[in-house]
Amino acid sequence: QNARLKPRTRAYYQECAKALTKSWPELVRMDVRRVSRAHCEEWAVRFAGKSSASVYNHTIALLRQVLEIAVEMGARYDNPARSLKRLGERPKELELPEPVQFERFVEEIRRAGGRFSADAANLVSFLAFGGFRKLEASFVTWADVNFERGEIIVRGDSQTATKNGEIRRVPMIPEMRALLKTLRQERLDESPVSPVMPIRECQKAMNRAAERVGMARVTHHDLRHLFATRCIESGVDIPTVSRWLGHKDGGALAMKVYGHLREQHSVA
C-alpha cells in the first residue's frame, strides 16, 4: 500500500492483480514457499498469449513485488519471478484524421441525436484543441480559462493534481478560443467554478461517428496526439509541445513519438 500512488495508478494495479489471479487461480491458495520458477514461467507463457505487452509487463512486475515481500519477510530465500522477461512494447502507430475529416467526425457526433451528443462533440474538440488528458480535462473550470492571456490553466484533481503533479498553462489555438467563446456565451449563468466540460468521456459516440465517416477508430488519448501533431506540423518545436502536454522529460518522449514529424517538416 504505497500512499504516494495516485488513485488511478492504484486502480490500475488492482486491475493487474485481478488479471493475475484470474489467469493463475491456483496462486491464491498456494503456499508462497512452494511457488517455483517453473510455476512462474508456465503462467507467464500462458498469460503472454492472452494479453497485451503493456498489461503483461505490469502484471509480472506486480508478481515480482509480491514475491519480493515474501523474501523480505523471511518466508523465502529467493524470488522465483525474477527470471521472467519483459515483452517489447511497440509504440502505437498513429492513424489520425486530417483536418477536414476531423470536422466531419465532430459534426457527426454533434447531430447523432442523443441527449449528450452536443456535449460529446464539444469534449472531442476540447481534447483535440488542447492536448489534455481525459481526466485533466474534466477538472478544467471557467476560472481556469483566461481569454485575455489566451491560455488555459490545467490543474488536475484538487487532491492529486495532474499526472506529473504540476500545474501547467496551455495556449489557446484559434479553434479553442472560438469553441470556448461560443460555450461561454451559451452558459453565462454558470459560476467560475463550474466545469467547462459537463461530461468526462464519449468513446461510444466517437466509435459510431468514426465508422460513419469512414475513418479509423480514435480514443480520447488519440486526440491528445492529434493536438501535438498539428502543433508540430505548424512549426512549433517539440520541447515546447512537450511542455504543453505536461511532460517532465524535456521532450524525450515527445521526440520518440513525434520525431518523424519534425523530419518531414524539415524536408518540406
C-alpha atoms as a PDB file:
ATOM      1  CA  GLN A   1       0.000   0.000   0.000  1.00  0.00           C
ATOM      2  CA  ASN A   2       2.075   2.880  -1.313  1.00  0.00           C
ATOM      3  CA  ALA A   3       0.428   6.087  -0.072  1.00  0.00           C
ATOM      4  CA  ARG A   4       2.108   8.088  -2.824  1.00  0.00           C
ATOM      5  CA  LEU A   5       0.291   6.235  -5.590  1.00  0.00           C
ATOM      6  CA  LYS A   6      -2.452   8.252  -7.245  1.00  0.00           C
ATOM      7  CA  PRO A   7      -5.972   6.749  -7.251  1.00  0.00           C
ATOM      8  CA  ARG A   8      -5.872   5.902 -10.968  1.00  0.00           C
ATOM      9  CA  THR A   9      -2.470   4.213 -10.624  1.00  0.00           C
ATOM     10  CA  ARG A  10      -3.710   2.262  -7.623  1.00  0.00           C
ATOM     11  CA  ALA A  11      -6.807   1.201  -9.572  1.00  0.00           C
ATOM     12  CA  TYR A  12      -4.637   0.066 -12.486  1.00  0.00           C
ATOM     13  CA  TYR A  13      -2.531  -2.145 -10.240  1.00  0.00           C
ATOM     14  CA  GLN A  14      -5.724  -3.580  -8.766  1.00  0.00           C
ATOM     15  CA  GLU A  15      -6.767  -4.466 -12.314  1.00  0.00           C
ATOM     16  CA  CYS A  16      -3.380  -6.158 -12.819  1.00  0.00           C
ATOM     17  CA  ALA A  17      -3.901  -8.103  -9.587  1.00  0.00           C
ATOM     18  CA  LYS A  18      -7.277  -9.311 -10.843  1.00  0.00           C
ATOM     19  CA  ALA A  19      -5.712 -10.334 -14.158  1.00  0.00           C
ATOM     20  CA  LEU A  20      -3.005 -12.240 -12.278  1.00  0.00           C
ATOM     21  CA  THR A  21      -5.393 -14.180 -10.032  1.00  0.00           C
ATOM     22  CA  LYS A  22      -7.836 -14.854 -12.869  1.00  0.00           C
ATOM     23  CA  SER A  23      -5.125 -16.254 -15.141  1.00  0.00           C
ATOM     24  CA  TRP A  24      -3.445 -18.153 -12.270  1.00  0.00           C
ATOM     25  CA  PRO A  25      -6.244 -19.032  -9.789  1.00  0.00           C
ATOM     26  CA  GLU A  26      -4.103 -21.673  -8.041  1.00  0.00           C
ATOM     27  CA  LEU A  27      -1.726 -18.940  -6.878  1.00  0.00           C
ATOM     28  CA  VAL A  28      -4.209 -17.613  -4.326  1.00  0.00           C
ATOM     29  CA  ARG A  29      -4.340 -20.949  -2.487  1.00  0.00           C
ATOM     30  CA  MET A  30      -0.668 -21.845  -2.955  1.00  0.00           C
ATOM     31  CA  ASP A  31       1.846 -21.717  -0.092  1.00  0.00           C
ATOM     32  CA  VAL A  32       4.203 -18.895  -1.081  1.00  0.00           C
ATOM     33  CA  ARG A  33       7.166 -21.127  -0.189  1.00  0.00           C
ATOM     34  CA  ARG A  34       6.122 -23.630  -2.848  1.00  0.00           C
ATOM     35  CA  VAL A  35       5.901 -21.166  -5.760  1.00  0.00           C
ATOM     36  CA  SER A  36       8.709 -22.180  -8.095  1.00  0.00           C
ATOM     37  CA  ARG A  37      10.447 -20.625 -11.052  1.00  0.00           C
ATOM     38  CA  ALA A  38       8.788 -23.255 -13.266  1.00  0.00           C
ATOM     39  CA  HIS A  39       5.345 -22.255 -11.953  1.00  0.00           C
ATOM     40  CA  CYS A  40       6.039 -18.596 -12.780  1.00  0.00           C
ATOM     41  CA  GLU A  41       7.365 -19.343 -16.238  1.00  0.00           C
ATOM     42  CA  GLU A  42       4.447 -21.650 -17.106  1.00  0.00           C
ATOM     43  CA  TRP A  43       1.976 -18.952 -16.076  1.00  0.00           C
ATOM     44  CA  ALA A  44       3.915 -16.259 -17.959  1.00  0.00           C
ATOM     45  CA  VAL A  45       3.776 -18.245 -21.217  1.00  0.00           C
ATOM     46  CA  ARG A  46       0.005 -18.646 -20.897  1.00  0.00           C
ATOM     47  CA  PHE A  47      -0.594 -15.027 -19.892  1.00  0.00           C
ATOM     48  CA  ALA A  48       1.631 -13.556 -22.603  1.00  0.00           C
ATOM     49  CA  GLY A  49      -0.517 -15.191 -25.268  1.00  0.00           C
ATOM     50  CA  LYS A  50      -3.705 -13.610 -23.965  1.00  0.00           C
ATOM     51  CA  SER A  51      -2.701 -10.068 -23.023  1.00  0.00           C
ATOM     52  CA  SER A  52      -1.032  -7.000 -24.458  1.00  0.00           C
ATOM     53  CA  ALA A  53       2.665  -6.400 -23.860  1.00  0.00           C
ATOM     54  CA  SER A  54       1.897  -3.490 -21.560  1.00  0.00           C
ATOM     55  CA  VAL A  55      -0.530  -5.457 -19.369  1.00  0.00           C
ATOM     56  CA  TYR A  56       1.848  -8.415 -19.301  1.00  0.00           C
ATOM     57  CA  ASN A  57       4.817  -6.292 -18.228  1.00  0.00           C
ATOM     58  CA  HIS A  58       2.902  -4.541 -15.456  1.00  0.00           C
ATOM     59  CA  THR A  59       1.450  -7.811 -14.184  1.00  0.00           C
ATOM     60  CA  ILE A  60       4.790  -9.618 -13.961  1.00  0.00           C
ATOM     61  CA  ALA A  61       6.162  -6.535 -12.176  1.00  0.00           C
ATOM     62  CA  LEU A  62       3.347  -6.882  -9.661  1.00  0.00           C
ATOM     63  CA  LEU A  63       4.072 -10.610  -9.207  1.00  0.00           C
ATOM     64  CA  ARG A  64       7.754  -9.843  -8.609  1.00  0.00           C
ATOM     65  CA  GLN A  65       6.858  -7.255  -5.964  1.00  0.00           C
ATOM     66  CA  VAL A  66       4.536  -9.662  -4.143  1.00  0.00           C
ATOM     67  CA  LEU A  67       7.165 -12.398  -4.049  1.00  0.00           C
ATOM     68  CA  GLU A  68       9.820  -9.872  -3.048  1.00  0.00           C
ATOM     69  CA  ILE A  69       7.748  -9.100   0.047  1.00  0.00           C
ATOM     70  CA  ALA A  70       7.846 -12.814   0.880  1.00  0.00           C
ATOM     71  CA  VAL A  71      11.654 -12.693   0.614  1.00  0.00           C
ATOM     72  CA  GLU A  72      11.895  -9.596   2.812  1.00  0.00           C
ATOM     73  CA  MET A  73       9.691 -11.228   5.461  1.00  0.00           C
ATOM     74  CA  GLY A  74      11.844 -14.340   5.512  1.00  0.00           C
ATOM     75  CA  ALA A  75       9.264 -16.698   4.013  1.00  0.00           C
ATOM     76  CA  ARG A  76      11.579 -17.421   1.063  1.00  0.00           C
ATOM     77  CA  TYR A  77      15.244 -17.152   0.186  1.00  0.00           C
ATOM     78  CA  ASP A  78      14.744 -16.209  -3.451  1.00  0.00           C
ATOM     79  CA  ASN A  79      12.249 -14.562  -5.813  1.00  0.00           C
ATOM     80  CA  PRO A  80      11.202 -17.103  -8.485  1.00  0.00           C
ATOM     81  CA  ALA A  81       9.700 -14.389 -10.689  1.00  0.00           C
ATOM     82  CA  ARG A  82      12.972 -12.525 -11.185  1.00  0.00           C
ATOM     83  CA  SER A  83      13.756 -14.606 -14.271  1.00  0.00           C
ATOM     84  CA  LEU A  84      10.602 -13.502 -16.121  1.00  0.00           C
ATOM     85  CA  LYS A  85      11.437 -11.374 -19.144  1.00  0.00           C
ATOM     86  CA  ARG A  86       9.521  -8.315 -20.198  1.00  0.00           C
ATOM     87  CA  LEU A  87       7.896  -8.201 -23.621  1.00  0.00           C
ATOM     88  CA  GLY A  88       8.890  -5.490 -26.065  1.00  0.00           C
ATOM     89  CA  GLU A  89       6.255  -2.788 -26.310  1.00  0.00           C
ATOM     90  CA  ARG A  90       5.791  -1.380 -29.775  1.00  0.00           C
ATOM     91  CA  PRO A  91       4.573   2.204 -29.890  1.00  0.00           C
ATOM     92  CA  LYS A  92       1.087   2.545 -31.299  1.00  0.00           C
ATOM     93  CA  GLU A  93       1.067   3.508 -34.951  1.00  0.00           C
ATOM     94  CA  LEU A  94      -0.849   6.758 -35.123  1.00  0.00           C
ATOM     95  CA  GLU A  95      -3.637   6.897 -37.668  1.00  0.00           C
ATOM     96  CA  LEU A  96      -5.140  10.328 -37.116  1.00  0.00           C
ATOM     97  CA  PRO A  97      -7.786  12.161 -39.154  1.00  0.00           C
ATOM     98  CA  GLU A  98      -6.945  15.044 -41.459  1.00  0.00           C
ATOM     99  CA  PRO A  99      -8.500  18.447 -40.575  1.00  0.00           C
ATOM    100  CA  VAL A 100     -11.455  18.148 -42.958  1.00  0.00           C
ATOM    101  CA  GLN A 101     -12.155  14.594 -41.858  1.00  0.00           C
ATOM    102  CA  PHE A 102     -11.952  15.642 -38.211  1.00  0.00           C
ATOM    103  CA  GLU A 103     -14.557  18.362 -38.793  1.00  0.00           C
ATOM    104  CA  ARG A 104     -16.881  15.781 -40.349  1.00  0.00           C
ATOM    105  CA  PHE A 105     -16.215  13.464 -37.418  1.00  0.00           C
ATOM    106  CA  VAL A 106     -17.152  16.103 -34.831  1.00  0.00           C
ATOM    107  CA  GLU A 107     -20.246  17.130 -36.778  1.00  0.00           C
ATOM    108  CA  GLU A 108     -21.371  13.500 -36.982  1.00  0.00           C
ATOM    109  CA  ILE A 109     -21.116  13.244 -33.194  1.00  0.00           C
ATOM    110  CA  ARG A 110     -22.999  16.531 -32.722  1.00  0.00           C
ATOM    111  CA  ARG A 111     -26.010  15.561 -34.844  1.00  0.00           C
ATOM    112  CA  ALA A 112     -26.299  11.983 -33.620  1.00  0.00           C
ATOM    113  CA  GLY A 113     -29.483  12.908 -31.776  1.00  0.00           C
ATOM    114  CA  GLY A 114     -28.516  11.697 -28.309  1.00  0.00           C
ATOM    115  CA  ARG A 115     -29.073  13.562 -25.063  1.00  0.00           C
ATOM    116  CA  PHE A 116     -25.367  14.334 -24.713  1.00  0.00           C
ATOM    117  CA  SER A 117     -24.413  14.489 -28.401  1.00  0.00           C
ATOM    118  CA  ALA A 118     -23.550  18.195 -28.314  1.00  0.00           C
ATOM    119  CA  ASP A 119     -21.547  17.756 -25.106  1.00  0.00           C
ATOM    120  CA  ALA A 120     -19.686  14.826 -26.659  1.00  0.00           C
ATOM    121  CA  ALA A 121     -18.791  16.843 -29.750  1.00  0.00           C
ATOM    122  CA  ASN A 122     -17.554  19.698 -27.563  1.00  0.00           C
ATOM    123  CA  LEU A 123     -15.433  17.323 -25.470  1.00  0.00           C
ATOM    124  CA  VAL A 124     -13.814  15.831 -28.573  1.00  0.00           C
ATOM    125  CA  SER A 125     -12.968  19.321 -29.831  1.00  0.00           C
ATOM    126  CA  PHE A 126     -11.728  20.425 -26.398  1.00  0.00           C
ATOM    127  CA  LEU A 127      -9.308  17.491 -26.176  1.00  0.00           C
ATOM    128  CA  ALA A 128      -8.104  17.883 -29.756  1.00  0.00           C
ATOM    129  CA  PHE A 129      -7.561  21.641 -29.426  1.00  0.00           C
ATOM    130  CA  GLY A 130      -5.832  21.494 -26.017  1.00  0.00           C
ATOM    131  CA  GLY A 131      -3.967  18.191 -25.827  1.00  0.00           C
ATOM    132  CA  PHE A 132      -5.312  17.441 -22.350  1.00  0.00           C
ATOM    133  CA  ARG A 133      -5.511  14.028 -20.774  1.00  0.00           C
ATOM    134  CA  LYS A 134      -9.125  12.910 -20.416  1.00  0.00           C
ATOM    135  CA  LEU A 135      -9.139  13.179 -16.626  1.00  0.00           C
ATOM    136  CA  GLU A 136      -7.343  16.549 -16.659  1.00  0.00           C
ATOM    137  CA  ALA A 137      -9.980  17.982 -18.993  1.00  0.00           C
ATOM    138  CA  SER A 138     -12.772  17.091 -16.578  1.00  0.00           C
ATOM    139  CA  PHE A 139     -11.271  19.354 -13.887  1.00  0.00           C
ATOM    140  CA  VAL A 140     -10.881  22.495 -16.053  1.00  0.00           C
ATOM    141  CA  THR A 141     -13.305  25.172 -14.822  1.00  0.00           C
ATOM    142  CA  TRP A 142     -14.265  28.532 -16.288  1.00  0.00           C
ATOM    143  CA  ALA A 143     -11.935  30.150 -13.736  1.00  0.00           C
ATOM    144  CA  ASP A 144      -9.074  28.342 -15.486  1.00  0.00           C
ATOM    145  CA  VAL A 145      -9.953  29.873 -18.854  1.00  0.00           C
ATOM    146  CA  ASN A 146      -8.176  33.198 -19.382  1.00  0.00           C
ATOM    147  CA  PHE A 147      -9.359  34.836 -22.604  1.00  0.00           C
ATOM    148  CA  GLU A 148      -7.190  37.938 -22.040  1.00  0.00           C
ATOM    149  CA  ARG A 149      -3.949  35.969 -21.839  1.00  0.00           C
ATOM    150  CA  GLY A 150      -5.177  33.381 -24.310  1.00  0.00           C
ATOM    151  CA  GLU A 151      -4.392  30.382 -22.118  1.00  0.00           C
ATOM    152  CA  ILE A 152      -5.970  27.561 -20.137  1.00  0.00           C
ATOM    153  CA  ILE A 153      -4.634  26.546 -16.729  1.00  0.00           C
ATOM    154  CA  VAL A 154      -4.522  22.781 -16.221  1.00  0.00           C
ATOM    155  CA  ARG A 155      -4.608  21.919 -12.511  1.00  0.00           C
ATOM    156  CA  GLY A 156      -5.924  18.358 -12.462  1.00  0.00           C
ATOM    157  CA  ASP A 157      -7.625  16.829  -9.438  1.00  0.00           C
ATOM    158  CA  SER A 158      -7.681  19.094  -6.364  1.00  0.00           C
ATOM    159  CA  GLN A 159      -6.219  16.234  -4.281  1.00  0.00           C
ATOM    160  CA  THR A 160      -3.737  14.577  -6.665  1.00  0.00           C
ATOM    161  CA  ALA A 161      -3.091  17.376  -9.229  1.00  0.00           C
ATOM    162  CA  THR A 162      -2.046  16.435 -12.764  1.00  0.00           C
ATOM    163  CA  LYS A 163      -0.232  13.240 -13.715  1.00  0.00           C
ATOM    164  CA  ASN A 164       3.191  14.794 -13.077  1.00  0.00           C
ATOM    165  CA  GLY A 165       1.968  16.821 -10.094  1.00  0.00           C
ATOM    166  CA  GLU A 166       2.450  20.223 -11.713  1.00  0.00           C
ATOM    167  CA  ILE A 167       0.104  22.963 -12.877  1.00  0.00           C
ATOM    168  CA  ARG A 168       0.664  23.967 -16.496  1.00  0.00           C
ATOM    169  CA  ARG A 169      -0.627  26.567 -18.942  1.00  0.00           C
ATOM    170  CA  VAL A 170      -1.699  25.672 -22.465  1.00  0.00           C
ATOM    171  CA  PRO A 171      -2.171  28.438 -25.045  1.00  0.00           C
ATOM    172  CA  MET A 172      -5.494  28.716 -26.844  1.00  0.00           C
ATOM    173  CA  ILE A 173      -5.150  27.954 -30.506  1.00  0.00           C
ATOM    174  CA  PRO A 174      -7.734  29.869 -32.609  1.00  0.00           C
ATOM    175  CA  GLU A 175     -10.089  26.867 -32.795  1.00  0.00           C
ATOM    176  CA  MET A 176     -10.034  26.512 -29.000  1.00  0.00           C
ATOM    177  CA  ARG A 177     -10.753  30.197 -28.455  1.00  0.00           C
ATOM    178  CA  ALA A 178     -13.721  30.039 -30.825  1.00  0.00           C
ATOM    179  CA  LEU A 179     -15.072  26.924 -29.111  1.00  0.00           C
ATOM    180  CA  LEU A 180     -14.784  28.374 -25.609  1.00  0.00           C
ATOM    181  CA  LYS A 181     -16.226  31.762 -26.587  1.00  0.00           C
ATOM    182  CA  THR A 182     -19.295  30.033 -28.005  1.00  0.00           C
ATOM    183  CA  LEU A 183     -19.745  27.785 -24.978  1.00  0.00           C
ATOM    184  CA  ARG A 184     -19.348  30.658 -22.523  1.00  0.00           C
ATOM    185  CA  GLN A 185     -21.974  32.713 -24.348  1.00  0.00           C
ATOM    186  CA  GLU A 186     -24.350  29.765 -24.199  1.00  0.00           C
ATOM    187  CA  ARG A 187     -23.718  29.222 -20.476  1.00  0.00           C
ATOM    188  CA  LEU A 188     -23.374  32.713 -18.989  1.00  0.00           C
ATOM    189  CA  ASP A 189     -25.261  31.640 -15.866  1.00  0.00           C
ATOM    190  CA  GLU A 190     -22.553  29.163 -14.825  1.00  0.00           C
ATOM    191  CA  SER A 191     -20.215  30.127 -11.991  1.00  0.00           C
ATOM    192  CA  PRO A 192     -16.414  30.337 -12.418  1.00  0.00           C
ATOM    193  CA  VAL A 193     -16.004  27.009 -10.610  1.00  0.00           C
ATOM    194  CA  SER A 194     -18.309  25.139 -12.992  1.00  0.00           C
ATOM    195  CA  PRO A 195     -16.528  22.592 -15.210  1.00  0.00           C
ATOM    196  CA  VAL A 196     -16.110  23.642 -18.819  1.00  0.00           C
ATOM    197  CA  MET A 197     -16.884  20.098 -19.956  1.00  0.00           C
ATOM    198  CA  PRO A 198     -20.052  18.651 -18.366  1.00  0.00           C
ATOM    199  CA  ILE A 199     -19.186  15.072 -19.412  1.00  0.00           C
ATOM    200  CA  ARG A 200     -15.963  13.124 -18.910  1.00  0.00           C
ATOM    201  CA  GLU A 201     -15.921  10.634 -21.765  1.00  0.00           C
ATOM    202  CA  CYS A 202     -17.688   9.788 -25.019  1.00  0.00           C
ATOM    203  CA  GLN A 203     -15.941   6.758 -26.523  1.00  0.00           C
ATOM    204  CA  LYS A 204     -19.132   5.105 -27.804  1.00  0.00           C
ATOM    205  CA  ALA A 205     -20.163   8.268 -29.624  1.00  0.00           C
ATOM    206  CA  MET A 206     -16.679   8.510 -31.123  1.00  0.00           C
ATOM    207  CA  ASN A 207     -16.771   4.895 -32.274  1.00  0.00           C
ATOM    208  CA  ARG A 208     -20.106   5.356 -34.061  1.00  0.00           C
ATOM    209  CA  ALA A 209     -19.043   8.605 -35.708  1.00  0.00           C
ATOM    210  CA  ALA A 210     -15.712   7.199 -36.893  1.00  0.00           C
ATOM    211  CA  GLU A 211     -17.487   4.279 -38.542  1.00  0.00           C
ATOM    212  CA  ARG A 212     -19.992   6.547 -40.248  1.00  0.00           C
ATOM    213  CA  VAL A 213     -17.415   8.922 -41.709  1.00  0.00           C
ATOM    214  CA  GLY A 214     -15.125   6.056 -42.718  1.00  0.00           C
ATOM    215  CA  MET A 215     -12.110   6.839 -40.549  1.00  0.00           C
ATOM    216  CA  ALA A 216     -10.039   4.748 -38.152  1.00  0.00           C
ATOM    217  CA  ARG A 217     -11.297   4.439 -34.590  1.00  0.00           C
ATOM    218  CA  VAL A 218      -9.744   7.037 -32.282  1.00  0.00           C
ATOM    219  CA  THR A 219      -9.609   7.201 -28.490  1.00  0.00           C
ATOM    220  CA  HIS A 220      -9.611  10.162 -26.127  1.00  0.00           C
ATOM    221  CA  HIS A 221      -5.833   9.822 -25.873  1.00  0.00           C
ATOM    222  CA  ASP A 222      -5.508   9.871 -29.671  1.00  0.00           C
ATOM    223  CA  LEU A 223      -6.999  13.373 -29.599  1.00  0.00           C
ATOM    224  CA  ARG A 224      -4.036  14.399 -27.453  1.00  0.00           C
ATOM    225  CA  HIS A 225      -1.775  13.022 -30.177  1.00  0.00           C
ATOM    226  CA  LEU A 226      -3.798  14.962 -32.742  1.00  0.00           C
ATOM    227  CA  PHE A 227      -3.136  18.225 -30.884  1.00  0.00           C
ATOM    228  CA  ALA A 228       0.600  17.516 -30.673  1.00  0.00           C
ATOM    229  CA  THR A 229       0.773  16.504 -34.324  1.00  0.00           C
ATOM    230  CA  ARG A 230      -0.932  19.677 -35.539  1.00  0.00           C
ATOM    231  CA  CYS A 231       1.300  21.861 -33.382  1.00  0.00           C
ATOM    232  CA  ILE A 232       4.469  20.259 -34.717  1.00  0.00           C
ATOM    233  CA  GLU A 233       3.239  20.358 -38.308  1.00  0.00           C
ATOM    234  CA  SER A 234       2.567  24.085 -37.758  1.00  0.00           C
ATOM    235  CA  GLY A 235       6.205  24.592 -36.811  1.00  0.00           C
ATOM    236  CA  VAL A 236       6.114  24.519 -33.001  1.00  0.00           C
ATOM    237  CA  ASP A 237       9.293  22.933 -31.608  1.00  0.00           C
ATOM    238  CA  ILE A 238       8.959  19.606 -29.828  1.00  0.00           C
ATOM    239  CA  PRO A 239      10.232  20.746 -26.365  1.00  0.00           C
ATOM    240  CA  THR A 240       7.525  23.437 -26.327  1.00  0.00           C
ATOM    241  CA  VAL A 241       4.817  20.973 -27.371  1.00  0.00           C
ATOM    242  CA  SER A 242       6.120  18.634 -24.672  1.00  0.00           C
ATOM    243  CA  ARG A 243       5.593  21.321 -22.010  1.00  0.00           C
ATOM    244  CA  TRP A 244       2.064  21.959 -23.263  1.00  0.00           C
ATOM    245  CA  LEU A 245       1.355  18.225 -22.961  1.00  0.00           C
ATOM    246  CA  GLY A 246       2.657  18.169 -19.400  1.00  0.00           C
ATOM    247  CA  HIS A 247       5.744  16.003 -19.936  1.00  0.00           C
ATOM    248  CA  LYS A 248       8.629  16.459 -17.481  1.00  0.00           C
ATOM    249  CA  ASP A 249      11.367  14.846 -19.572  1.00  0.00           C
ATOM    250  CA  GLY A 250      12.302  17.899 -21.633  1.00  0.00           C
ATOM    251  CA  GLY A 251      10.811  16.433 -24.800  1.00  0.00           C
ATOM    252  CA  ALA A 252      12.376  12.959 -24.843  1.00  0.00           C
ATOM    253  CA  LEU A 253       9.057  11.107 -25.005  1.00  0.00           C
ATOM    254  CA  ALA A 254       7.575  13.567 -27.482  1.00  0.00           C
ATOM    255  CA  MET A 255      10.669  13.214 -29.683  1.00  0.00           C
ATOM    256  CA  LYS A 256      10.248   9.441 -29.638  1.00  0.00           C
ATOM    257  CA  VAL A 257       6.574   9.636 -30.577  1.00  0.00           C
ATOM    258  CA  TYR A 258       6.571  12.642 -32.908  1.00  0.00           C
ATOM    259  CA  GLY A 259      10.182  12.956 -34.063  1.00  0.00           C
ATOM    260  CA  HIS A 260       9.358  11.729 -37.553  1.00  0.00           C
ATOM    261  CA  LEU A 261       7.017  14.711 -37.985  1.00  0.00           C
ATOM    262  CA  ARG A 262       9.892  17.101 -37.346  1.00  0.00           C
ATOM    263  CA  GLU A 263      11.901  15.351 -40.050  1.00  0.00           C
ATOM    264  CA  GLN A 264       9.011  15.583 -42.516  1.00  0.00           C
ATOM    265  CA  HIS A 265       8.544  19.261 -41.675  1.00  0.00           C
ATOM    266  CA  SER A 266      12.266  19.888 -42.180  1.00  0.00           C
ATOM    267  CA  VAL A 267      12.194  18.265 -45.608  1.00  0.00           C
ATOM    268  CA  ALA A 268       9.108  20.259 -46.582  1.00  0.00           C
END
